[in-house]
Amino acid sequence: MPSRPDPTRGEAVRVVMTDLVLGHGILGLSIRRVASGVGIAPSTLVAQFTHRKRLVTWFSATASRRRQRQMEWRAARDGWVGLLPRDPESLEAESIWSAVSELGRTDDEVGDVVQGRHEELCDLVRALGRGEGRSLDSDDVELVVAGLDGLRRAMVRQLEPMPLDRASRLLDRLVEGVVEQDRQEGYVRPSS
């Protein structure tokens, strides 16, 4: 697991890295840029993280954990629609998540972070289903999560982001479609 920064600077490091990722993408992160933004010497960050990869892995874990907590809190309050970004903070978290998940395709340590968050989201979707008296099997859960991923990415795309009300309607249709398919008389889920 990645190192943690000095507790007095952790939030400042996260904020600077968030701004850099939003402005330049994850590939735009560098020890020098982060240190400059926080107002410390690059050697201080190197002493804590050893190298850029550990810094990026720490940021990926921290940013994705914040996003997951936001979704859990909103879903507990708002149900399914709580899984969609709706305010500047959650839209920012989703933009960061898009960058982190892309990096996770080629970086094993970040990939482990992404996989862990995916499993947590699957658990959250299962719990939302149970809360409505629905029993979602693993295929149902993966279908809903894949649909959610697409909707959330559409909401943070650069050109013509999808509005929350449309994403919410589409999410409702997705969830209802999954549940309705399982209710059809005689429907038997193919075995894997």
Protein backbone atom coordinates (compact mmCIF):
# COMPACT_ATOMS: atom_id res chain seq x y z
CA MET A 1 0.00 0.00 0.00
CA PRO A 2 1.24 3.48 -0.75
CA SER A 3 2.82 5.71 1.87
CA ARG A 4 0.81 8.45 3.51
CA PRO A 5 1.98 12.04 3.54
CA ASP A 6 2.65 13.94 6.71
CA PRO A 7 -0.84 14.26 8.27
CA THR A 8 -0.48 18.03 8.43
CA ARG A 9 0.00 18.13 4.65
CA GLY A 10 -2.14 15.23 3.42
CA GLU A 11 -5.19 17.30 2.54
CA ALA A 12 -3.05 19.98 0.87
CA VAL A 13 -1.30 17.32 -1.22
CA ARG A 14 -4.67 15.82 -2.22
CA VAL A 15 -6.11 19.22 -3.19
CA VAL A 16 -3.06 20.15 -5.28
CA MET A 17 -3.06 16.76 -6.98
CA THR A 18 -6.79 17.06 -7.68
CA ASP A 19 -6.25 20.43 -9.35
CA LEU A 20 -3.35 19.06 -11.38
CA VAL A 21 -5.29 16.00 -12.54
CA LEU A 22 -8.30 18.11 -13.50
CA GLY A 23 -6.06 20.53 -15.40
CA HIS A 24 -3.48 18.19 -16.91
CA GLY A 25 -4.60 14.59 -16.36
CA ILE A 26 -2.80 12.01 -14.25
CA LEU A 27 0.14 12.05 -16.64
CA GLY A 28 0.61 15.73 -15.77
CA LEU A 29 1.45 14.89 -12.16
CA SER A 30 5.05 15.27 -11.13
CA ILE A 31 6.82 15.42 -7.79
CA ARG A 32 8.03 18.93 -8.65
CA ARG A 33 4.54 20.24 -9.57
CA VAL A 34 2.89 18.75 -6.49
CA ALA A 35 5.62 20.02 -4.16
CA SER A 36 5.45 23.48 -5.70
CA GLY A 37 1.67 23.57 -5.30
CA VAL A 38 1.89 22.54 -1.65
CA GLY A 39 4.78 24.90 -0.98
CA ILE A 40 7.35 22.30 0.05
CA ALA A 41 10.60 21.05 -1.40
CA PRO A 42 10.38 18.13 -3.85
CA SER A 43 12.78 16.23 -1.58
CA THR A 44 10.13 16.32 1.17
CA LEU A 45 7.66 14.46 -1.05
CA VAL A 46 10.36 12.06 -2.20
CA ALA A 47 11.23 11.34 1.44
CA GLN A 48 7.59 10.38 2.10
CA PHE A 49 6.78 8.54 -1.13
CA THR A 50 10.15 7.49 -2.60
CA HIS A 51 8.98 8.08 -6.18
CA ARG A 52 6.14 9.42 -8.34
CA LYS A 53 4.45 6.02 -8.75
CA ARG A 54 3.85 5.69 -5.01
CA LEU A 55 2.53 9.25 -4.88
CA VAL A 56 0.10 8.54 -7.73
CA THR A 57 -1.01 5.27 -6.12
CA TRP A 58 -1.64 7.06 -2.80
CA PHE A 59 -3.63 9.75 -4.60
CA SER A 60 -5.64 7.13 -6.52
CA ALA A 61 -6.53 5.31 -3.31
CA THR A 62 -7.37 8.52 -1.43
CA ALA A 63 -9.43 10.12 -4.20
CA SER A 64 -11.35 6.94 -4.97
CA ARG A 65 -12.07 6.33 -1.28
CA ARG A 66 -13.55 9.85 -1.01
CA ARG A 67 -15.70 9.19 -4.07
CA GLN A 68 -16.90 5.87 -2.67
CA ARG A 69 -17.85 7.46 0.65
CA GLN A 70 -19.76 10.22 -1.16
CA MET A 71 -21.72 7.62 -3.13
CA GLU A 72 -22.47 5.53 -0.04
CA TRP A 73 -23.73 8.56 1.85
CA ARG A 74 -25.86 9.82 -1.03
CA ALA A 75 -27.23 6.35 -1.84
CA ALA A 76 -28.27 5.88 1.81
CA ARG A 77 -30.12 9.18 1.60
CA ASP A 78 -31.40 9.18 -2.01
CA GLY A 79 -31.43 5.56 -3.19
CA TRP A 80 -30.32 4.70 -6.72
CA VAL A 81 -30.01 8.31 -7.89
CA GLY A 82 -27.47 8.84 -5.10
CA LEU A 83 -25.03 6.81 -7.19
CA LEU A 84 -24.89 9.59 -9.78
CA PRO A 85 -22.77 12.74 -9.38
CA ARG A 86 -24.96 15.77 -8.81
CA ASP A 87 -22.95 18.65 -7.39
CA PRO A 88 -19.57 20.21 -8.18
CA GLU A 89 -17.78 18.09 -5.57
CA SER A 90 -19.17 14.77 -6.83
CA LEU A 91 -18.67 15.76 -10.48
CA GLU A 92 -15.04 16.58 -9.65
CA ALA A 93 -14.66 13.23 -7.87
CA GLU A 94 -16.10 11.48 -10.92
CA SER A 95 -13.67 13.25 -13.26
CA ILE A 96 -10.79 12.15 -11.04
CA TRP A 97 -12.20 8.61 -10.98
CA SER A 98 -12.24 8.52 -14.79
CA ALA A 99 -8.53 9.39 -14.85
CA VAL A 100 -7.71 6.89 -12.08
CA SER A 101 -9.62 4.05 -13.71
CA GLU A 102 -7.88 4.69 -17.04
CA LEU A 103 -4.50 4.56 -15.33
CA GLY A 104 -5.60 1.36 -13.58
CA ARG A 105 -5.71 -0.37 -16.96
CA THR A 106 -1.91 -0.19 -17.24
CA ASP A 107 -0.68 0.19 -13.64
CA ASP A 108 -1.11 -2.89 -11.46
CA GLU A 109 -1.14 -1.06 -8.12
CA VAL A 110 -3.71 1.47 -9.29
CA GLY A 111 -5.57 -1.41 -10.96
CA ASP A 112 -5.85 -3.06 -7.53
CA VAL A 113 -7.33 0.18 -6.16
CA VAL A 114 -9.83 0.31 -9.04
CA GLN A 115 -10.79 -3.34 -8.54
CA GLY A 116 -11.33 -2.78 -4.82
CA ARG A 117 -13.63 0.18 -5.49
CA HIS A 118 -15.49 -1.85 -8.13
CA GLU A 119 -16.17 -4.57 -5.56
CA GLU A 120 -17.37 -1.97 -3.04
CA LEU A 121 -19.72 -0.50 -5.65
CA CYS A 122 -21.07 -3.99 -6.43
CA ASP A 123 -21.76 -4.46 -2.70
CA LEU A 124 -23.53 -1.10 -2.59
CA VAL A 125 -25.71 -1.99 -5.62
CA ARG A 126 -26.59 -5.33 -4.00
CA ALA A 127 -27.53 -3.53 -0.78
CA LEU A 128 -29.73 -1.03 -2.63
CA GLY A 129 -31.48 -3.92 -4.35
CA ARG A 130 -32.04 -5.72 -1.04
CA GLY A 131 -33.39 -2.51 0.46
CA GLU A 132 -36.12 -2.60 -2.19
CA GLY A 133 -36.78 -6.31 -1.75
CA ARG A 134 -34.87 -7.20 -4.91
CA SER A 135 -32.42 -10.03 -5.11
CA LEU A 136 -29.78 -9.09 -7.66
CA ASP A 137 -27.46 -11.88 -8.74
CA SER A 138 -23.90 -11.20 -9.88
CA ASP A 139 -24.94 -10.70 -13.53
CA ASP A 140 -27.61 -8.18 -12.49
CA VAL A 141 -25.13 -6.33 -10.32
CA GLU A 142 -22.47 -6.19 -13.05
CA LEU A 143 -25.06 -4.94 -15.57
CA VAL A 144 -26.19 -2.15 -13.24
CA VAL A 145 -22.59 -1.20 -12.38
CA ALA A 146 -21.59 -1.15 -16.07
CA GLY A 147 -24.58 1.06 -16.84
CA LEU A 148 -23.73 3.34 -13.93
CA ASP A 149 -20.14 3.65 -15.13
CA GLY A 150 -21.34 4.71 -18.56
CA LEU A 151 -23.86 7.21 -17.18
CA ARG A 152 -21.35 8.77 -14.79
CA ARG A 153 -18.74 9.10 -17.55
CA ALA A 154 -21.36 10.71 -19.79
CA MET A 155 -22.07 13.21 -17.02
CA VAL A 156 -18.44 14.38 -16.85
CA ARG A 157 -17.48 14.27 -20.53
CA GLN A 158 -16.00 17.49 -21.88
CA LEU A 159 -18.50 18.07 -24.68
CA GLU A 160 -22.19 18.13 -23.84
CA PRO A 161 -22.17 16.40 -20.46
CA MET A 162 -25.34 14.46 -19.73
CA PRO A 163 -27.65 16.29 -17.29
CA LEU A 164 -28.54 14.63 -13.99
CA ASP A 165 -32.26 14.38 -14.78
CA ARG A 166 -31.60 12.41 -17.96
CA ALA A 167 -29.00 10.17 -16.30
CA SER A 168 -31.47 9.55 -13.47
CA ARG A 169 -34.24 8.54 -15.90
CA LEU A 170 -31.86 6.19 -17.71
CA LEU A 171 -30.68 4.67 -14.44
CA ASP A 172 -34.30 4.04 -13.42
CA ARG A 173 -34.93 2.32 -16.75
CA LEU A 174 -31.79 0.24 -16.34
CA VAL A 175 -32.65 -0.93 -12.82
CA GLU A 176 -36.28 -1.59 -13.71
CA GLY A 177 -35.24 -3.47 -16.85
CA VAL A 178 -32.91 -5.73 -14.88
CA VAL A 179 -35.59 -6.45 -12.30
CA GLU A 180 -38.35 -6.92 -14.89
CA GLN A 181 -36.23 -9.36 -16.88
CA ASP A 182 -35.87 -11.51 -13.77
CA ARG A 183 -39.61 -11.37 -13.08
CA GLN A 184 -40.61 -12.72 -16.47
CA GLU A 185 -42.33 -16.01 -16.03
CA GLY A 186 -40.14 -18.88 -17.08
CA TYR A 187 -36.99 -16.79 -17.23
CA VAL A 188 -34.01 -18.89 -16.32
CA ARG A 189 -30.64 -17.25 -15.99
CA PRO A 190 -28.09 -19.12 -18.08
CA SER A 191 -25.46 -20.84 -16.00
CA SER A 192 -21.94 -19.47 -16.24
